[in-house]
Amino acid sequence: MSDVTQMEETGDDPLYFRQLLSGRDFATGDDVARQMVNFVYLIGDRRTGEAVVVDPAYDVDSILDLLEADDMRCTGVLATHYHPDHVGGSMMGFDIVGASQLLDRVSVPVHAQRDEAEFITKVTGIGRGDIVEHDGGDVVEVGDIRIELIHTPGHTPGSQCFLVDGRLVAGDTLFLEGCGRTDLPGGDASALYDSLHNRLAKVPDEAVLFPGHLYSAEPSAPMGDTRRDNFVFMPRSEQQWLAMFGS
């Protein structure tokens, strides 16, 4: 596995953090996984062996096997949003393995924003009782690792990002180049402007952005660099934003 597909702390740091690319690090035989270039993230506490999987899709058996090989065990799922390439379900005529199949192997909660829970149930078929519904600002604890949930609507109503130890796992809210689409069901260009320019303003420039897809040459970058270089931060008002991205 190449260096860019994982970022792990060593020594006395309890944080366990890995970035996995679909079609390369898992689901290597899946044409859809290779085309979609989704990232899956593993976040946990080395001392307790607990970890959560962010956006499990395509090949949950391999994802869980990678955790086991690292002496970690899955204790939960974090869902950035309901689209099948992130949590499983039907897309483009294909049935994508995801959260439902992961729950067949391990009985764990799926953490989602309150506004997204209904959509996740419809898309994946998992029961509403398997979903822990959150609000923005909630914290999910994995061992002693604290993961802050930031509600960032726009791509979907309940999209959320995860802030942990100077890392922002952003799903499809923000990429190194560009941001999530707003022309799909539930998309809202004004809401996404607010999420990028206001709700994520609390994330410091030195934090590292980890996106939901590999849509750029690099798999991660400091937020300061992203704010400087990403064209989605060029508009200085919502009116300018809507003129550029609101169609």
C-alpha atoms as a PDB file:
ATOM      1  CA  MET A   1       0.000   0.000   0.000  1.00  0.00           C
ATOM      2  CA  SER A   2       1.474   3.352  -1.012  1.00  0.00           C
ATOM      3  CA  ASP A   3       2.192   6.104   1.477  1.00  0.00           C
ATOM      4  CA  VAL A   4      -0.574   8.374   0.144  1.00  0.00           C
ATOM      5  CA  THR A   5      -3.289   5.841   0.872  1.00  0.00           C
ATOM      6  CA  GLN A   6      -2.789   5.925   4.592  1.00  0.00           C
ATOM      7  CA  MET A   7      -1.786   8.330   7.318  1.00  0.00           C
ATOM      8  CA  GLU A   8      -1.019   6.690  10.608  1.00  0.00           C
ATOM      9  CA  GLU A   9       0.420   8.123  13.781  1.00  0.00           C
ATOM     10  CA  THR A  10       3.026   6.082  15.585  1.00  0.00           C
ATOM     11  CA  GLY A  11       4.768   6.184  18.927  1.00  0.00           C
ATOM     12  CA  ASP A  12       2.683   7.299  21.881  1.00  0.00           C
ATOM     13  CA  ASP A  13      -0.082   8.935  19.828  1.00  0.00           C
ATOM     14  CA  PRO A  14      -3.248   6.876  20.312  1.00  0.00           C
ATOM     15  CA  LEU A  15      -4.874   8.110  17.089  1.00  0.00           C
ATOM     16  CA  TYR A  16      -5.344   5.488  14.399  1.00  0.00           C
ATOM     17  CA  PHE A  17      -6.127   7.063  11.016  1.00  0.00           C
ATOM     18  CA  ARG A  18      -6.069   5.476   7.566  1.00  0.00           C
ATOM     19  CA  GLN A  19      -7.188   6.742   4.182  1.00  0.00           C
ATOM     20  CA  LEU A  20      -8.140   3.978   1.730  1.00  0.00           C
ATOM     21  CA  LEU A  21      -8.883   4.440  -1.978  1.00  0.00           C
ATOM     22  CA  SER A  22     -11.562   2.312  -3.631  1.00  0.00           C
ATOM     23  CA  GLY A  23     -10.399   0.303  -6.613  1.00  0.00           C
ATOM     24  CA  ARG A  24      -6.809   0.396  -5.445  1.00  0.00           C
ATOM     25  CA  ASP A  25      -6.603  -0.402  -1.715  1.00  0.00           C
ATOM     26  CA  PHE A  26      -9.807  -2.444  -1.633  1.00  0.00           C
ATOM     27  CA  ALA A  27     -12.447  -3.514  -4.171  1.00  0.00           C
ATOM     28  CA  THR A  28      -9.637  -3.834  -6.697  1.00  0.00           C
ATOM     29  CA  GLY A  29     -11.752  -5.925  -9.063  1.00  0.00           C
ATOM     30  CA  ASP A  30     -14.742  -3.577  -9.011  1.00  0.00           C
ATOM     31  CA  ASP A  31     -15.019  -1.377 -12.113  1.00  0.00           C
ATOM     32  CA  VAL A  32     -17.442   1.032 -10.403  1.00  0.00           C
ATOM     33  CA  ALA A  33     -15.119   1.408  -7.419  1.00  0.00           C
ATOM     34  CA  ARG A  34     -12.198   2.211  -9.725  1.00  0.00           C
ATOM     35  CA  GLN A  35     -14.307   4.726 -11.635  1.00  0.00           C
ATOM     36  CA  MET A  36     -15.727   6.493  -8.580  1.00  0.00           C
ATOM     37  CA  VAL A  37     -12.390   6.714  -6.657  1.00  0.00           C
ATOM     38  CA  ASN A  38     -14.080   6.986  -3.273  1.00  0.00           C
ATOM     39  CA  PHE A  39     -12.087   7.320  -0.095  1.00  0.00           C
ATOM     40  CA  VAL A  40     -12.939   5.278   2.984  1.00  0.00           C
ATOM     41  CA  TYR A  41     -11.462   6.321   6.320  1.00  0.00           C
ATOM     42  CA  LEU A  42     -10.636   4.285   9.398  1.00  0.00           C
ATOM     43  CA  ILE A  43     -10.434   6.289  12.623  1.00  0.00           C
ATOM     44  CA  GLY A  44      -9.786   4.850  16.035  1.00  0.00           C
ATOM     45  CA  ASP A  45      -7.912   4.571  19.306  1.00  0.00           C
ATOM     46  CA  ARG A  46      -4.847   2.333  19.203  1.00  0.00           C
ATOM     47  CA  ARG A  47      -4.926   1.821  22.958  1.00  0.00           C
ATOM     48  CA  THR A  48      -8.429   0.336  23.019  1.00  0.00           C
ATOM     49  CA  GLY A  49      -8.451  -1.168  19.520  1.00  0.00           C
ATOM     50  CA  GLU A  50     -11.763   0.540  18.707  1.00  0.00           C
ATOM     51  CA  ALA A  51     -12.333   2.123  15.304  1.00  0.00           C
ATOM     52  CA  VAL A  52     -15.096   3.557  13.146  1.00  0.00           C
ATOM     53  CA  VAL A  53     -15.392   3.243   9.384  1.00  0.00           C
ATOM     54  CA  VAL A  54     -16.281   6.381   7.448  1.00  0.00           C
ATOM     55  CA  ASP A  55     -18.450   5.705   4.370  1.00  0.00           C
ATOM     56  CA  PRO A  56     -18.077   1.922   3.916  1.00  0.00           C
ATOM     57  CA  ALA A  57     -18.876   0.900   0.348  1.00  0.00           C
ATOM     58  CA  TYR A  58     -17.960  -1.587  -2.413  1.00  0.00           C
ATOM     59  CA  ASP A  59     -16.070  -4.204  -0.363  1.00  0.00           C
ATOM     60  CA  VAL A  60     -16.816  -4.131   3.357  1.00  0.00           C
ATOM     61  CA  ASP A  61     -15.182  -7.535   3.912  1.00  0.00           C
ATOM     62  CA  SER A  62     -11.810  -6.182   2.780  1.00  0.00           C
ATOM     63  CA  ILE A  63     -12.276  -3.028   4.847  1.00  0.00           C
ATOM     64  CA  LEU A  64     -12.977  -5.034   7.990  1.00  0.00           C
ATOM     65  CA  ASP A  65     -10.095  -7.376   7.198  1.00  0.00           C
ATOM     66  CA  LEU A  66      -7.745  -4.390   6.959  1.00  0.00           C
ATOM     67  CA  LEU A  67      -8.907  -3.264  10.383  1.00  0.00           C
ATOM     68  CA  GLU A  68      -8.353  -6.730  11.813  1.00  0.00           C
ATOM     69  CA  ALA A  69      -4.860  -6.892  10.316  1.00  0.00           C
ATOM     70  CA  ASP A  70      -4.079  -3.693  12.249  1.00  0.00           C
ATOM     71  CA  ASP A  71      -5.387  -5.264  15.483  1.00  0.00           C
ATOM     72  CA  MET A  72      -8.391  -2.948  15.402  1.00  0.00           C
ATOM     73  CA  ARG A  73     -12.097  -3.755  15.517  1.00  0.00           C
ATOM     74  CA  CYS A  74     -15.057  -1.902  14.058  1.00  0.00           C
ATOM     75  CA  THR A  75     -17.296  -0.313  16.691  1.00  0.00           C
ATOM     76  CA  GLY A  76     -19.278   2.022  14.461  1.00  0.00           C
ATOM     77  CA  VAL A  77     -19.911   3.620  11.087  1.00  0.00           C
ATOM     78  CA  LEU A  78     -19.817   7.334  10.302  1.00  0.00           C
ATOM     79  CA  ALA A  79     -21.840   8.334   7.243  1.00  0.00           C
ATOM     80  CA  THR A  80     -21.038  11.619   5.511  1.00  0.00           C
ATOM     81  CA  HIS A  81     -24.242  11.386   3.436  1.00  0.00           C
ATOM     82  CA  TYR A  82     -26.681   8.948   1.886  1.00  0.00           C
ATOM     83  CA  HIS A  83     -25.386   8.485  -1.678  1.00  0.00           C
ATOM     84  CA  PRO A  84     -24.801   4.815  -2.551  1.00  0.00           C
ATOM     85  CA  ASP A  85     -21.117   5.238  -3.398  1.00  0.00           C
ATOM     86  CA  HIS A  86     -20.636   6.179   0.257  1.00  0.00           C
ATOM     87  CA  VAL A  87     -23.031   3.908   2.168  1.00  0.00           C
ATOM     88  CA  GLY A  88     -24.166   1.326  -0.397  1.00  0.00           C
ATOM     89  CA  GLY A  89     -27.356   0.872  -2.383  1.00  0.00           C
ATOM     90  CA  SER A  90     -28.358   1.127  -6.022  1.00  0.00           C
ATOM     91  CA  MET A  91     -26.608   3.584  -8.363  1.00  0.00           C
ATOM     92  CA  MET A  92     -26.375   3.735 -12.166  1.00  0.00           C
ATOM     93  CA  GLY A  93     -27.994   0.312 -12.378  1.00  0.00           C
ATOM     94  CA  PHE A  94     -25.442  -1.258 -10.028  1.00  0.00           C
ATOM     95  CA  ASP A  95     -26.021  -2.583  -6.527  1.00  0.00           C
ATOM     96  CA  ILE A  96     -23.207  -1.349  -4.294  1.00  0.00           C
ATOM     97  CA  VAL A  97     -22.279  -3.188  -1.120  1.00  0.00           C
ATOM     98  CA  GLY A  98     -22.206  -0.913   1.915  1.00  0.00           C
ATOM     99  CA  ALA A  99     -23.444  -0.293   5.428  1.00  0.00           C
ATOM    100  CA  SER A 100     -26.132  -2.980   5.330  1.00  0.00           C
ATOM    101  CA  GLN A 101     -23.628  -5.717   4.522  1.00  0.00           C
ATOM    102  CA  LEU A 102     -21.206  -4.379   7.132  1.00  0.00           C
ATOM    103  CA  LEU A 103     -23.944  -4.689   9.763  1.00  0.00           C
ATOM    104  CA  ASP A 104     -24.417  -8.305   8.710  1.00  0.00           C
ATOM    105  CA  ARG A 105     -20.861  -8.931   9.943  1.00  0.00           C
ATOM    106  CA  VAL A 106     -20.713  -6.622  12.977  1.00  0.00           C
ATOM    107  CA  SER A 107     -23.545  -5.152  15.019  1.00  0.00           C
ATOM    108  CA  VAL A 108     -22.572  -1.493  15.330  1.00  0.00           C
ATOM    109  CA  PRO A 109     -24.358   1.876  15.205  1.00  0.00           C
ATOM    110  CA  VAL A 110     -24.403   4.034  12.085  1.00  0.00           C
ATOM    111  CA  HIS A 111     -23.864   7.694  13.005  1.00  0.00           C
ATOM    112  CA  ALA A 112     -25.668  10.116  10.701  1.00  0.00           C
ATOM    113  CA  GLN A 113     -27.026  13.635  10.745  1.00  0.00           C
ATOM    114  CA  ARG A 114     -30.688  13.789  11.745  1.00  0.00           C
ATOM    115  CA  ASP A 115     -31.679  15.240   8.352  1.00  0.00           C
ATOM    116  CA  GLU A 116     -30.015  12.335   6.539  1.00  0.00           C
ATOM    117  CA  ALA A 117     -31.289   9.338   8.510  1.00  0.00           C
ATOM    118  CA  GLU A 118     -34.461   8.804   6.469  1.00  0.00           C
ATOM    119  CA  PHE A 119     -32.527   8.865   3.195  1.00  0.00           C
ATOM    120  CA  ILE A 120     -29.908   6.411   4.470  1.00  0.00           C
ATOM    121  CA  THR A 121     -32.663   4.002   5.505  1.00  0.00           C
ATOM    122  CA  LYS A 122     -34.311   4.201   2.083  1.00  0.00           C
ATOM    123  CA  VAL A 123     -31.077   3.796   0.124  1.00  0.00           C
ATOM    124  CA  THR A 124     -29.411   1.068   2.193  1.00  0.00           C
ATOM    125  CA  GLY A 125     -32.381  -0.789   3.655  1.00  0.00           C
ATOM    126  CA  ILE A 126     -30.943  -0.728   7.172  1.00  0.00           C
ATOM    127  CA  GLY A 127     -33.399  -0.166  10.000  1.00  0.00           C
ATOM    128  CA  ARG A 128     -33.938   3.254  11.542  1.00  0.00           C
ATOM    129  CA  GLY A 129     -33.023   1.661  14.870  1.00  0.00           C
ATOM    130  CA  ASP A 130     -29.505   1.001  13.575  1.00  0.00           C
ATOM    131  CA  ILE A 131     -28.954   4.728  12.996  1.00  0.00           C
ATOM    132  CA  VAL A 132     -27.862   7.118  15.735  1.00  0.00           C
ATOM    133  CA  GLU A 133     -29.214  10.525  14.709  1.00  0.00           C
ATOM    134  CA  HIS A 134     -26.991  13.511  15.429  1.00  0.00           C
ATOM    135  CA  ASP A 135     -27.038  17.276  15.318  1.00  0.00           C
ATOM    136  CA  GLY A 136     -24.172  19.531  14.311  1.00  0.00           C
ATOM    137  CA  GLY A 137     -21.655  19.900  17.125  1.00  0.00           C
ATOM    138  CA  ASP A 138     -22.195  16.415  18.504  1.00  0.00           C
ATOM    139  CA  VAL A 139     -19.104  14.385  19.359  1.00  0.00           C
ATOM    140  CA  VAL A 140     -18.627  10.670  18.729  1.00  0.00           C
ATOM    141  CA  GLU A 141     -16.054   9.093  21.021  1.00  0.00           C
ATOM    142  CA  VAL A 142     -13.998   6.135  19.849  1.00  0.00           C
ATOM    143  CA  GLY A 143     -12.035   5.063  22.869  1.00  0.00           C
ATOM    144  CA  ASP A 144     -10.491   8.360  23.961  1.00  0.00           C
ATOM    145  CA  ILE A 145     -10.550   9.820  20.434  1.00  0.00           C
ATOM    146  CA  ARG A 146     -13.129  12.582  20.008  1.00  0.00           C
ATOM    147  CA  ILE A 147     -14.652  13.154  16.570  1.00  0.00           C
ATOM    148  CA  GLU A 148     -16.670  16.341  16.149  1.00  0.00           C
ATOM    149  CA  LEU A 149     -19.568  16.213  13.710  1.00  0.00           C
ATOM    150  CA  ILE A 150     -20.078  19.346  11.591  1.00  0.00           C
ATOM    151  CA  HIS A 151     -23.412  19.559   9.790  1.00  0.00           C
ATOM    152  CA  THR A 152     -22.663  20.854   6.270  1.00  0.00           C
ATOM    153  CA  PRO A 153     -25.852  20.750   4.168  1.00  0.00           C
ATOM    154  CA  GLY A 154     -25.786  21.579   0.488  1.00  0.00           C
ATOM    155  CA  HIS A 155     -24.682  18.473  -1.365  1.00  0.00           C
ATOM    156  CA  THR A 156     -27.456  16.708   0.557  1.00  0.00           C
ATOM    157  CA  PRO A 157     -29.631  17.982   3.444  1.00  0.00           C
ATOM    158  CA  GLY A 158     -27.760  16.017   6.095  1.00  0.00           C
ATOM    159  CA  SER A 159     -24.210  16.001   4.782  1.00  0.00           C
ATOM    160  CA  GLN A 160     -21.661  16.126   7.567  1.00  0.00           C
ATOM    161  CA  CYS A 161     -17.895  16.472   8.008  1.00  0.00           C
ATOM    162  CA  PHE A 162     -15.755  15.003  10.768  1.00  0.00           C
ATOM    163  CA  LEU A 163     -13.075  16.967  12.606  1.00  0.00           C
ATOM    164  CA  VAL A 164     -10.538  14.886  14.501  1.00  0.00           C
ATOM    165  CA  ASP A 165      -7.119  15.930  15.740  1.00  0.00           C
ATOM    166  CA  GLY A 166      -6.432  18.504  13.051  1.00  0.00           C
ATOM    167  CA  ARG A 167      -7.971  16.483  10.232  1.00  0.00           C
ATOM    168  CA  LEU A 168     -11.205  17.298   8.406  1.00  0.00           C
ATOM    169  CA  VAL A 169     -12.862  14.316   6.726  1.00  0.00           C
ATOM    170  CA  ALA A 170     -15.194  16.158   4.385  1.00  0.00           C
ATOM    171  CA  GLY A 171     -17.076  13.587   2.318  1.00  0.00           C
ATOM    172  CA  ASP A 172     -18.522  15.309  -0.764  1.00  0.00           C
ATOM    173  CA  THR A 173     -18.914  18.691   0.900  1.00  0.00           C
ATOM    174  CA  LEU A 174     -15.445  19.856  -0.117  1.00  0.00           C
ATOM    175  CA  PHE A 175     -12.694  18.491  -2.357  1.00  0.00           C
ATOM    176  CA  LEU A 176      -9.199  19.832  -2.880  1.00  0.00           C
ATOM    177  CA  GLU A 177     -10.505  21.026  -6.231  1.00  0.00           C
ATOM    178  CA  GLY A 178     -14.206  21.834  -6.341  1.00  0.00           C
ATOM    179  CA  CYS A 179     -17.047  20.765  -4.066  1.00  0.00           C
ATOM    180  CA  GLY A 180     -20.076  18.507  -4.086  1.00  0.00           C
ATOM    181  CA  ARG A 181     -22.807  18.892  -6.691  1.00  0.00           C
ATOM    182  CA  THR A 182     -26.061  20.621  -5.785  1.00  0.00           C
ATOM    183  CA  ASP A 183     -28.142  19.509  -8.787  1.00  0.00           C
ATOM    184  CA  LEU A 184     -28.985  16.101  -7.317  1.00  0.00           C
ATOM    185  CA  PRO A 185     -32.081  15.432  -5.144  1.00  0.00           C
ATOM    186  CA  GLY A 186     -31.732  17.324  -1.881  1.00  0.00           C
ATOM    187  CA  GLY A 187     -28.994  19.610  -3.192  1.00  0.00           C
ATOM    188  CA  ASP A 188     -29.082  23.273  -2.215  1.00  0.00           C
ATOM    189  CA  ALA A 189     -26.540  25.746  -3.588  1.00  0.00           C
ATOM    190  CA  SER A 190     -27.264  28.422  -0.981  1.00  0.00           C
ATOM    191  CA  ALA A 191     -26.868  25.913   1.836  1.00  0.00           C
ATOM    192  CA  LEU A 192     -23.561  24.714   0.423  1.00  0.00           C
ATOM    193  CA  TYR A 193     -22.269  28.285   0.246  1.00  0.00           C
ATOM    194  CA  ASP A 194     -23.111  28.686   3.935  1.00  0.00           C
ATOM    195  CA  SER A 195     -21.472  25.367   4.796  1.00  0.00           C
ATOM    196  CA  LEU A 196     -18.219  26.161   2.993  1.00  0.00           C
ATOM    197  CA  HIS A 197     -17.877  29.819   3.945  1.00  0.00           C
ATOM    198  CA  ASN A 198     -19.455  29.867   7.396  1.00  0.00           C
ATOM    199  CA  ARG A 199     -19.871  26.448   9.002  1.00  0.00           C
ATOM    200  CA  LEU A 200     -16.383  25.288   8.008  1.00  0.00           C
ATOM    201  CA  ALA A 201     -14.851  28.652   8.963  1.00  0.00           C
ATOM    202  CA  LYS A 202     -14.157  27.171  12.399  1.00  0.00           C
ATOM    203  CA  VAL A 203     -11.705  24.704  10.828  1.00  0.00           C
ATOM    204  CA  PRO A 204      -8.218  26.262  11.043  1.00  0.00           C
ATOM    205  CA  ASP A 205      -5.980  26.720   8.013  1.00  0.00           C
ATOM    206  CA  GLU A 206      -3.444  24.251   9.398  1.00  0.00           C
ATOM    207  CA  ALA A 207      -6.010  21.442   9.563  1.00  0.00           C
ATOM    208  CA  VAL A 208      -5.626  18.865   6.793  1.00  0.00           C
ATOM    209  CA  LEU A 209      -8.524  18.256   4.406  1.00  0.00           C
ATOM    210  CA  PHE A 210      -9.313  14.632   3.553  1.00  0.00           C
ATOM    211  CA  PRO A 211     -12.014  14.517   0.833  1.00  0.00           C
ATOM    212  CA  GLY A 212     -14.533  11.850  -0.145  1.00  0.00           C
ATOM    213  CA  HIS A 213     -13.060  11.276  -3.628  1.00  0.00           C
ATOM    214  CA  LEU A 214      -9.663  11.491  -5.297  1.00  0.00           C
ATOM    215  CA  TYR A 215     -10.562  14.313  -7.668  1.00  0.00           C
ATOM    216  CA  SER A 216      -7.118  15.939  -7.505  1.00  0.00           C
ATOM    217  CA  ALA A 217      -3.480  15.018  -7.881  1.00  0.00           C
ATOM    218  CA  GLU A 218      -2.976  14.819  -4.122  1.00  0.00           C
ATOM    219  CA  PRO A 219      -5.164  12.917  -1.648  1.00  0.00           C
ATOM    220  CA  SER A 220      -5.095  15.605   1.057  1.00  0.00           C
ATOM    221  CA  ALA A 221      -4.018  19.204   1.628  1.00  0.00           C
ATOM    222  CA  PRO A 222      -4.025  21.853   4.357  1.00  0.00           C
ATOM    223  CA  MET A 223      -7.256  23.821   4.576  1.00  0.00           C
ATOM    224  CA  GLY A 224      -5.320  27.044   4.128  1.00  0.00           C
ATOM    225  CA  ASP A 225      -3.999  25.854   0.770  1.00  0.00           C
ATOM    226  CA  THR A 226      -7.474  24.696  -0.225  1.00  0.00           C
ATOM    227  CA  ARG A 227      -9.032  28.024   0.670  1.00  0.00           C
ATOM    228  CA  ARG A 228      -6.348  29.789  -1.377  1.00  0.00           C
ATOM    229  CA  ASP A 229      -6.359  27.521  -4.430  1.00  0.00           C
ATOM    230  CA  ASN A 230      -9.845  26.012  -4.711  1.00  0.00           C
ATOM    231  CA  PHE A 231     -12.045  28.050  -7.062  1.00  0.00           C
ATOM    232  CA  VAL A 232     -15.129  27.473  -4.878  1.00  0.00           C
ATOM    233  CA  PHE A 233     -13.724  30.009  -2.415  1.00  0.00           C
ATOM    234  CA  MET A 234     -13.395  32.737  -5.047  1.00  0.00           C
ATOM    235  CA  PRO A 235     -16.918  34.189  -4.606  1.00  0.00           C
ATOM    236  CA  ARG A 236     -17.037  36.734  -1.767  1.00  0.00           C
ATOM    237  CA  SER A 237     -20.800  36.755  -1.367  1.00  0.00           C
ATOM    238  CA  GLU A 238     -23.704  34.368  -1.697  1.00  0.00           C
ATOM    239  CA  GLN A 239     -24.884  36.312  -4.740  1.00  0.00           C
ATOM    240  CA  GLN A 240     -21.541  35.783  -6.483  1.00  0.00           C
ATOM    241  CA  TRP A 241     -21.597  32.125  -5.471  1.00  0.00           C
ATOM    242  CA  LEU A 242     -25.087  31.553  -6.887  1.00  0.00           C
ATOM    243  CA  ALA A 243     -24.130  33.300 -10.119  1.00  0.00           C
ATOM    244  CA  MET A 244     -21.233  30.844 -10.533  1.00  0.00           C
ATOM    245  CA  PHE A 245     -22.582  27.625  -9.028  1.00  0.00           C
ATOM    246  CA  GLY A 246     -26.305  27.989  -8.521  1.00  0.00           C
ATOM    247  CA  SER A 247     -27.537  26.672 -11.868  1.00  0.00           C
END
